[in-house]
Amino acid sequence: MSIFNASSPTGNKLRHGLRVLGAVLILTAFVVWFKAGAHTGFTKNRVEVFKVDPITQIEYTDYKESFVMGVEYLAAASLTGLGLIASGFIFARKQ
């Protein structure tokens, strides 16, 4: 008996496991992206910081090295999760 046989207990576990893993991956990616600031642009490795010169009182822009996760990480994780969910349907039960 093969694990690819959907009527076997192992095949049922595999189908269910792939679907759950895909859903958990999508949910985890969304939560991490949202907690990191829900940046809707691309990933940044430095962030603008506005500062004021103490002598002239002129405002200027400086950059701070910081990682800001962009929407492409969310999209990649979501596509991977959807791929796992879809692969769970490959092992669909045969009537």
Protein backbone atom coordinates (compact mmCIF):
# COMPACT_ATOMS: atom_id res chain seq x y z
CA MET A 1 0.00 0.00 0.00
CA SER A 2 1.35 3.43 -0.95
CA ILE A 3 1.10 6.71 0.93
CA PHE A 4 -0.32 8.17 -2.28
CA ASN A 5 -3.38 5.93 -1.99
CA ALA A 6 -5.97 8.39 -0.68
CA SER A 7 -8.16 5.69 0.82
CA SER A 8 -5.36 4.54 3.13
CA PRO A 9 -5.07 6.02 6.64
CA THR A 10 -1.62 7.39 5.75
CA GLY A 11 -3.02 9.09 2.64
CA ASN A 12 -5.79 10.71 4.69
CA LYS A 13 -3.26 11.96 7.23
CA LEU A 14 -1.05 13.32 4.45
CA ARG A 15 -3.95 15.18 2.79
CA HIS A 16 -5.13 16.64 6.07
CA GLY A 17 -1.57 17.48 7.18
CA LEU A 18 -0.79 19.36 3.97
CA ARG A 19 -3.97 21.40 4.23
CA VAL A 20 -3.40 22.26 7.88
CA LEU A 21 0.27 23.11 7.26
CA GLY A 22 -0.70 25.43 4.40
CA ALA A 23 -3.34 27.20 6.50
CA VAL A 24 -0.95 27.59 9.45
CA LEU A 25 1.75 28.99 7.14
CA ILE A 26 -0.62 31.60 5.69
CA LEU A 27 -1.94 32.58 9.12
CA THR A 28 1.55 32.80 10.65
CA ALA A 29 2.87 34.89 7.75
CA PHE A 30 -0.04 37.32 8.07
CA VAL A 31 0.38 37.67 11.85
CA VAL A 32 4.16 38.23 11.60
CA TRP A 33 3.70 40.75 8.78
CA PHE A 34 0.97 42.58 10.70
CA LYS A 35 2.97 42.65 13.96
CA ALA A 36 6.02 43.96 12.09
CA GLY A 37 4.07 47.02 11.00
CA ALA A 38 2.03 45.86 8.00
CA HIS A 39 4.29 47.68 5.55
CA THR A 40 2.50 47.60 2.19
CA GLY A 41 5.60 48.47 0.16
CA PHE A 42 8.67 46.47 -0.66
CA THR A 43 11.17 45.37 1.97
CA LYS A 44 13.51 48.03 3.31
CA ASN A 45 16.87 47.57 4.99
CA ARG A 46 17.07 51.16 6.20
CA VAL A 47 14.46 53.61 7.47
CA GLU A 48 14.28 57.38 7.17
CA VAL A 49 14.63 59.29 10.44
CA PHE A 50 13.87 62.99 10.53
CA LYS A 51 16.20 65.00 12.77
CA VAL A 52 16.57 68.65 13.67
CA ASP A 53 19.94 70.38 13.72
CA PRO A 54 20.33 71.80 17.25
CA ILE A 55 22.07 74.96 16.12
CA THR A 56 20.20 76.03 12.97
CA GLN A 57 16.89 74.27 13.75
CA ILE A 58 16.81 72.94 10.19
CA GLU A 59 15.12 69.57 9.73
CA TYR A 60 17.07 66.97 7.75
CA THR A 61 16.72 63.30 6.87
CA ASP A 62 19.05 60.66 8.23
CA TYR A 63 18.87 56.90 7.72
CA LYS A 64 18.86 54.18 10.36
CA GLU A 65 19.79 50.59 9.51
CA SER A 66 16.64 48.59 10.20
CA PHE A 67 14.83 45.71 8.50
CA VAL A 68 11.19 46.33 7.57
CA MET A 69 9.42 43.31 6.12
CA GLY A 70 7.52 44.15 2.95
CA VAL A 71 4.48 42.73 1.29
CA GLU A 72 6.50 40.39 -0.95
CA TYR A 73 7.26 38.14 2.04
CA LEU A 74 3.54 37.95 2.80
CA ALA A 75 2.79 37.15 -0.85
CA ALA A 76 5.49 34.47 -1.07
CA ALA A 77 4.34 32.77 2.13
CA SER A 78 0.70 32.95 1.04
CA LEU A 79 1.47 31.42 -2.35
CA THR A 80 3.49 28.66 -0.68
CA GLY A 81 0.63 27.98 1.73
CA LEU A 82 -1.89 27.90 -1.09
CA GLY A 83 0.40 25.50 -2.94
CA LEU A 84 0.45 23.19 0.09
CA ILE A 85 -3.33 23.35 0.39
CA ALA A 86 -3.71 22.64 -3.33
CA SER A 87 -1.30 19.71 -3.11
CA GLY A 88 -3.56 18.27 -0.42
CA PHE A 89 -6.25 17.99 -3.07
CA ILE A 90 -3.96 15.94 -5.31
CA PHE A 91 -4.44 13.11 -2.86
CA ALA A 92 -8.24 13.42 -3.07
CA ARG A 93 -10.35 10.41 -2.33
CA LYS A 94 -11.27 8.27 -5.27
CA GLN A 95 -14.96 7.35 -5.33
